[in-house]
Amino acid sequence: MNLFVTVDGGLTAAGYAVCIILMAAFLIAAAFLSGRQKKSVPMSARKLAFCAMGMALAFVTSYIKFIKLPYGGSVTLFSMLFIVLIAYWYGPKTGILVGFSYGLLQFIQEPYVLSLFQVCCDYVLAFAALGIAGFFSKKKHGLLIGYIAAVFARGFFHTLGGYLYWMDYMPDNFPQSLGMLYPIIYNYSYLLAEGVLTVILISLPPVAKALDQVKSIASSSN
């Protein structure tokens, strides 16, 4: 198709190179911004390491799929949680940038290009939206509330892409009277399934206690 995209919607070598460079740039920017959110806490290798670790764990667990839908989307082993944790620990600016970088990583993993905005909806903006969990970091039960908000935010962009680009893929046996709800039902079916499992996990007292301990380590300036 062009220098960056193949005729079948994949990426060329140049396309992969650009995505990797952008992903690294956004990850470094995330670490920088996380250090500036609190003037008393300078940017550190610790923050960069935790951001990279969160992305790595999200990427690895995204390969462990309990349910995989035919046109994209799956119930994974809590992969969204690791991006949400970064946002919860370091705030929304860092979370959004790390989610943005992770979206590029997902695009590299399974690229499919119909248009630039389709890529933004299905990959970049959808995963960047997980970073809004950081807005709830100071609230009671902030991780739980932030995670739920992040799941719905991610679903919004997938659904938007569904309406704009994927309506032709609606199965013939899907009720025509509910046709306009198809992108919502399709995308939130797997997102909410994984979301419910994750909410149960992080609500368990031992898990909640362990996550609080990790947060303390991640937020430490030493």
Protein backbone atom coordinates (compact mmCIF):
# COMPACT_ATOMS: atom_id res chain seq x y z
CA MET A 1 0.00 0.00 0.00
CA ASN A 2 2.79 2.41 0.94
CA LEU A 3 6.13 2.57 2.71
CA PHE A 4 4.65 1.53 6.07
CA VAL A 5 1.62 -0.68 5.27
CA THR A 6 1.35 -3.78 3.07
CA VAL A 7 -1.48 -4.39 0.65
CA ASP A 8 -3.16 -6.85 3.06
CA GLY A 9 -3.24 -4.39 5.96
CA GLY A 10 -0.05 -5.48 7.73
CA LEU A 11 3.15 -3.60 8.43
CA THR A 12 6.29 -3.32 6.36
CA ALA A 13 9.74 -3.35 7.96
CA ALA A 14 9.66 0.44 7.97
CA GLY A 15 6.25 0.37 9.64
CA TYR A 16 7.51 -1.89 12.41
CA ALA A 17 10.57 0.33 12.92
CA VAL A 18 8.45 3.47 13.26
CA CYS A 19 6.13 1.78 15.78
CA ILE A 20 9.02 0.57 17.91
CA ILE A 21 10.64 4.01 17.92
CA LEU A 22 7.36 5.68 18.87
CA MET A 23 6.71 3.13 21.61
CA ALA A 24 10.15 3.72 23.15
CA ALA A 25 9.70 7.49 22.93
CA PHE A 26 6.34 7.41 24.68
CA LEU A 27 7.66 5.09 27.40
CA ILE A 28 10.53 7.48 28.14
CA ALA A 29 8.10 10.41 28.12
CA ALA A 30 5.89 8.54 30.59
CA ALA A 31 8.77 8.08 33.01
CA PHE A 32 9.67 11.77 32.66
CA LEU A 33 6.13 12.95 33.33
CA SER A 34 5.73 10.59 36.27
CA GLY A 35 8.72 12.27 37.86
CA ARG A 36 7.27 15.75 37.30
CA GLN A 37 3.86 15.05 38.77
CA LYS A 38 5.27 15.57 42.24
CA LYS A 39 8.09 18.05 42.47
CA SER A 40 9.50 16.22 45.47
CA VAL A 41 9.82 12.97 43.51
CA PRO A 42 12.39 13.17 40.70
CA MET A 43 12.35 11.00 37.65
CA SER A 44 14.16 7.78 38.42
CA ALA A 45 15.21 4.51 36.88
CA ARG A 46 12.72 2.88 39.26
CA LYS A 47 9.76 4.51 37.51
CA LEU A 48 11.07 3.65 34.07
CA ALA A 49 11.62 0.06 35.22
CA PHE A 50 8.10 -0.26 36.63
CA CYS A 51 6.56 1.23 33.47
CA ALA A 52 8.52 -1.19 31.31
CA MET A 53 7.67 -4.09 33.63
CA GLY A 54 3.97 -3.23 33.49
CA MET A 55 4.04 -3.18 29.71
CA ALA A 56 5.97 -6.44 29.57
CA LEU A 57 3.56 -8.24 31.92
CA ALA A 58 0.56 -6.88 30.02
CA PHE A 59 2.06 -8.05 26.74
CA VAL A 60 2.90 -11.55 28.01
CA THR A 61 -0.49 -12.09 29.64
CA SER A 62 -2.26 -10.84 26.51
CA TYR A 63 -1.04 -14.03 24.83
CA ILE A 64 -2.85 -16.15 27.44
CA LYS A 65 -6.38 -16.07 26.05
CA PHE A 66 -9.29 -17.92 27.61
CA ILE A 67 -11.72 -16.76 24.93
CA LYS A 68 -10.85 -15.33 21.51
CA LEU A 69 -13.46 -13.67 19.33
CA PRO A 70 -13.36 -14.11 15.54
CA TYR A 71 -12.84 -10.45 14.58
CA GLY A 72 -10.49 -9.37 17.33
CA GLY A 73 -10.79 -9.11 21.07
CA SER A 74 -10.25 -11.74 23.74
CA VAL A 75 -10.51 -12.52 27.44
CA THR A 76 -6.92 -12.60 28.64
CA LEU A 77 -5.07 -13.34 31.87
CA PHE A 78 -5.71 -9.91 33.46
CA SER A 79 -3.57 -8.10 30.87
CA MET A 80 -5.38 -4.75 31.23
CA LEU A 81 -4.68 -4.69 34.95
CA PHE A 82 -0.95 -4.11 34.52
CA ILE A 83 -1.45 -0.90 32.53
CA VAL A 84 -4.08 0.24 35.02
CA LEU A 85 -1.63 -0.35 37.87
CA ILE A 86 0.93 1.96 36.26
CA ALA A 87 -1.72 4.67 36.02
CA TYR A 88 -2.80 4.05 39.61
CA TRP A 89 0.77 4.31 40.89
CA TYR A 90 2.04 7.22 38.80
CA GLY A 91 -1.05 9.16 37.74
CA PRO A 92 -3.07 9.64 34.57
CA LYS A 93 -0.39 11.34 32.46
CA THR A 94 1.98 8.44 32.90
CA GLY A 95 -0.80 5.87 32.59
CA ILE A 96 -2.08 7.32 29.33
CA LEU A 97 1.38 7.50 27.79
CA VAL A 98 2.25 3.95 28.88
CA GLY A 99 -1.12 2.77 27.57
CA PHE A 100 -0.41 4.62 24.32
CA SER A 101 2.93 2.82 24.02
CA TYR A 102 1.30 -0.50 24.85
CA GLY A 103 -1.26 0.12 22.14
CA LEU A 104 1.58 0.44 19.65
CA LEU A 105 3.01 -2.82 20.99
CA GLN A 106 -0.34 -4.51 20.45
CA PHE A 107 -0.41 -3.11 16.94
CA ILE A 108 3.03 -4.58 16.27
CA GLN A 109 1.81 -7.90 17.66
CA GLU A 110 -1.26 -8.18 15.43
CA PRO A 111 -1.36 -5.29 12.94
CA TYR A 112 -4.33 -4.63 10.73
CA VAL A 113 -4.74 -1.32 8.91
CA LEU A 114 -7.86 0.01 7.25
CA SER A 115 -7.11 3.66 7.96
CA LEU A 116 -5.10 5.78 10.38
CA PHE A 117 -8.13 6.52 12.54
CA GLN A 118 -9.08 2.84 12.61
CA VAL A 119 -5.62 2.05 14.00
CA CYS A 120 -6.09 4.79 16.58
CA CYS A 121 -9.49 3.45 17.66
CA ASP A 122 -8.56 -0.23 17.75
CA TYR A 123 -5.08 0.07 19.21
CA VAL A 124 -3.59 3.38 20.30
CA LEU A 125 -6.50 5.30 21.81
CA ALA A 126 -8.21 2.19 23.19
CA PHE A 127 -5.21 1.17 25.29
CA ALA A 128 -4.23 4.75 26.13
CA ALA A 129 -7.69 5.06 27.66
CA LEU A 130 -6.67 2.56 30.34
CA GLY A 131 -4.55 5.35 31.78
CA ILE A 132 -7.58 7.25 33.03
CA ALA A 133 -7.48 4.93 36.04
CA GLY A 134 -4.89 7.35 37.40
CA PHE A 135 -7.56 9.97 38.01
CA PHE A 136 -8.94 7.78 40.80
CA SER A 137 -5.67 7.06 42.60
CA LYS A 138 -6.50 9.34 45.55
CA LYS A 139 -10.04 8.03 46.04
CA LYS A 140 -11.23 5.31 48.37
CA HIS A 141 -11.17 2.01 46.48
CA GLY A 142 -9.36 3.96 43.76
CA LEU A 143 -7.86 0.94 42.04
CA LEU A 144 -11.22 -0.81 41.77
CA ILE A 145 -13.07 2.28 40.54
CA GLY A 146 -10.24 3.27 38.23
CA TYR A 147 -10.06 -0.18 36.69
CA ILE A 148 -13.79 -0.25 35.96
CA ALA A 149 -13.65 3.24 34.43
CA ALA A 150 -10.64 2.22 32.33
CA VAL A 151 -12.41 -0.85 30.96
CA PHE A 152 -15.42 1.21 29.87
CA ALA A 153 -13.14 3.88 28.36
CA ARG A 154 -11.24 1.29 26.34
CA GLY A 155 -14.53 -0.18 25.18
CA PHE A 156 -15.69 3.23 23.96
CA PHE A 157 -12.89 3.46 21.40
CA HIS A 158 -13.26 -0.15 20.26
CA THR A 159 -16.98 0.46 19.85
CA LEU A 160 -16.38 3.69 17.93
CA GLY A 161 -14.09 1.80 15.57
CA GLY A 162 -16.75 -0.89 15.29
CA TYR A 163 -19.37 1.56 14.13
CA LEU A 164 -17.03 3.27 11.66
CA TYR A 165 -15.22 0.26 10.16
CA TRP A 166 -16.54 -3.14 11.22
CA MET A 167 -20.32 -3.13 10.82
CA ASP A 168 -20.03 -5.17 7.62
CA TYR A 169 -18.66 -8.05 9.71
CA MET A 170 -21.85 -8.41 11.73
CA PRO A 171 -22.99 -12.08 11.48
CA ASP A 172 -26.06 -12.78 9.37
CA ASN A 173 -27.72 -14.57 12.28
CA PHE A 174 -27.40 -11.55 14.58
CA PRO A 175 -30.87 -10.04 15.20
CA GLN A 176 -31.31 -7.22 12.71
CA SER A 177 -33.45 -5.29 15.18
CA LEU A 178 -30.38 -5.07 17.43
CA GLY A 179 -27.97 -4.27 14.61
CA MET A 180 -27.02 -0.85 15.95
CA LEU A 181 -26.06 -2.43 19.25
CA TYR A 182 -23.73 -4.97 17.64
CA PRO A 183 -20.41 -3.08 18.19
CA ILE A 184 -21.36 -2.42 21.81
CA ILE A 185 -22.34 -6.02 22.49
CA TYR A 186 -19.36 -7.44 20.63
CA ASN A 187 -16.69 -5.32 22.30
CA TYR A 188 -18.05 -5.17 25.81
CA SER A 189 -18.72 -8.91 25.87
CA TYR A 190 -15.05 -9.78 26.19
CA LEU A 191 -13.99 -6.60 28.02
CA LEU A 192 -16.57 -7.02 30.77
CA ALA A 193 -15.88 -10.74 31.07
CA GLU A 194 -12.21 -10.05 31.77
CA GLY A 195 -13.20 -7.06 33.87
CA VAL A 196 -15.39 -9.12 36.19
CA LEU A 197 -12.64 -11.69 36.70
CA THR A 198 -10.10 -8.96 37.45
CA VAL A 199 -12.40 -7.14 39.88
CA ILE A 200 -12.88 -10.39 41.78
CA LEU A 201 -9.10 -10.90 41.86
CA ILE A 202 -8.14 -7.43 43.12
CA SER A 203 -10.95 -7.51 45.69
CA LEU A 204 -9.43 -10.52 47.45
CA PRO A 205 -7.80 -9.27 50.68
CA PRO A 206 -4.42 -11.00 50.13
CA VAL A 207 -4.19 -9.63 46.58
CA ALA A 208 -5.24 -6.13 47.64
CA LYS A 209 -2.62 -6.16 50.41
CA ALA A 210 0.09 -7.35 48.02
CA LEU A 211 -0.79 -4.65 45.48
CA ASP A 212 -0.60 -1.98 48.19
CA GLN A 213 2.87 -3.19 49.12
CA VAL A 214 3.99 -3.07 45.50
CA LYS A 215 2.52 0.43 45.16
CA SER A 216 4.59 1.54 48.14
CA ILE A 217 7.75 0.19 46.48
CA ALA A 218 6.87 1.66 43.09
CA SER A 219 6.18 5.10 44.55
CA SER A 220 9.29 5.18 46.71
CA SER A 221 11.87 7.83 45.77
CA ASN A 222 14.77 5.81 47.19
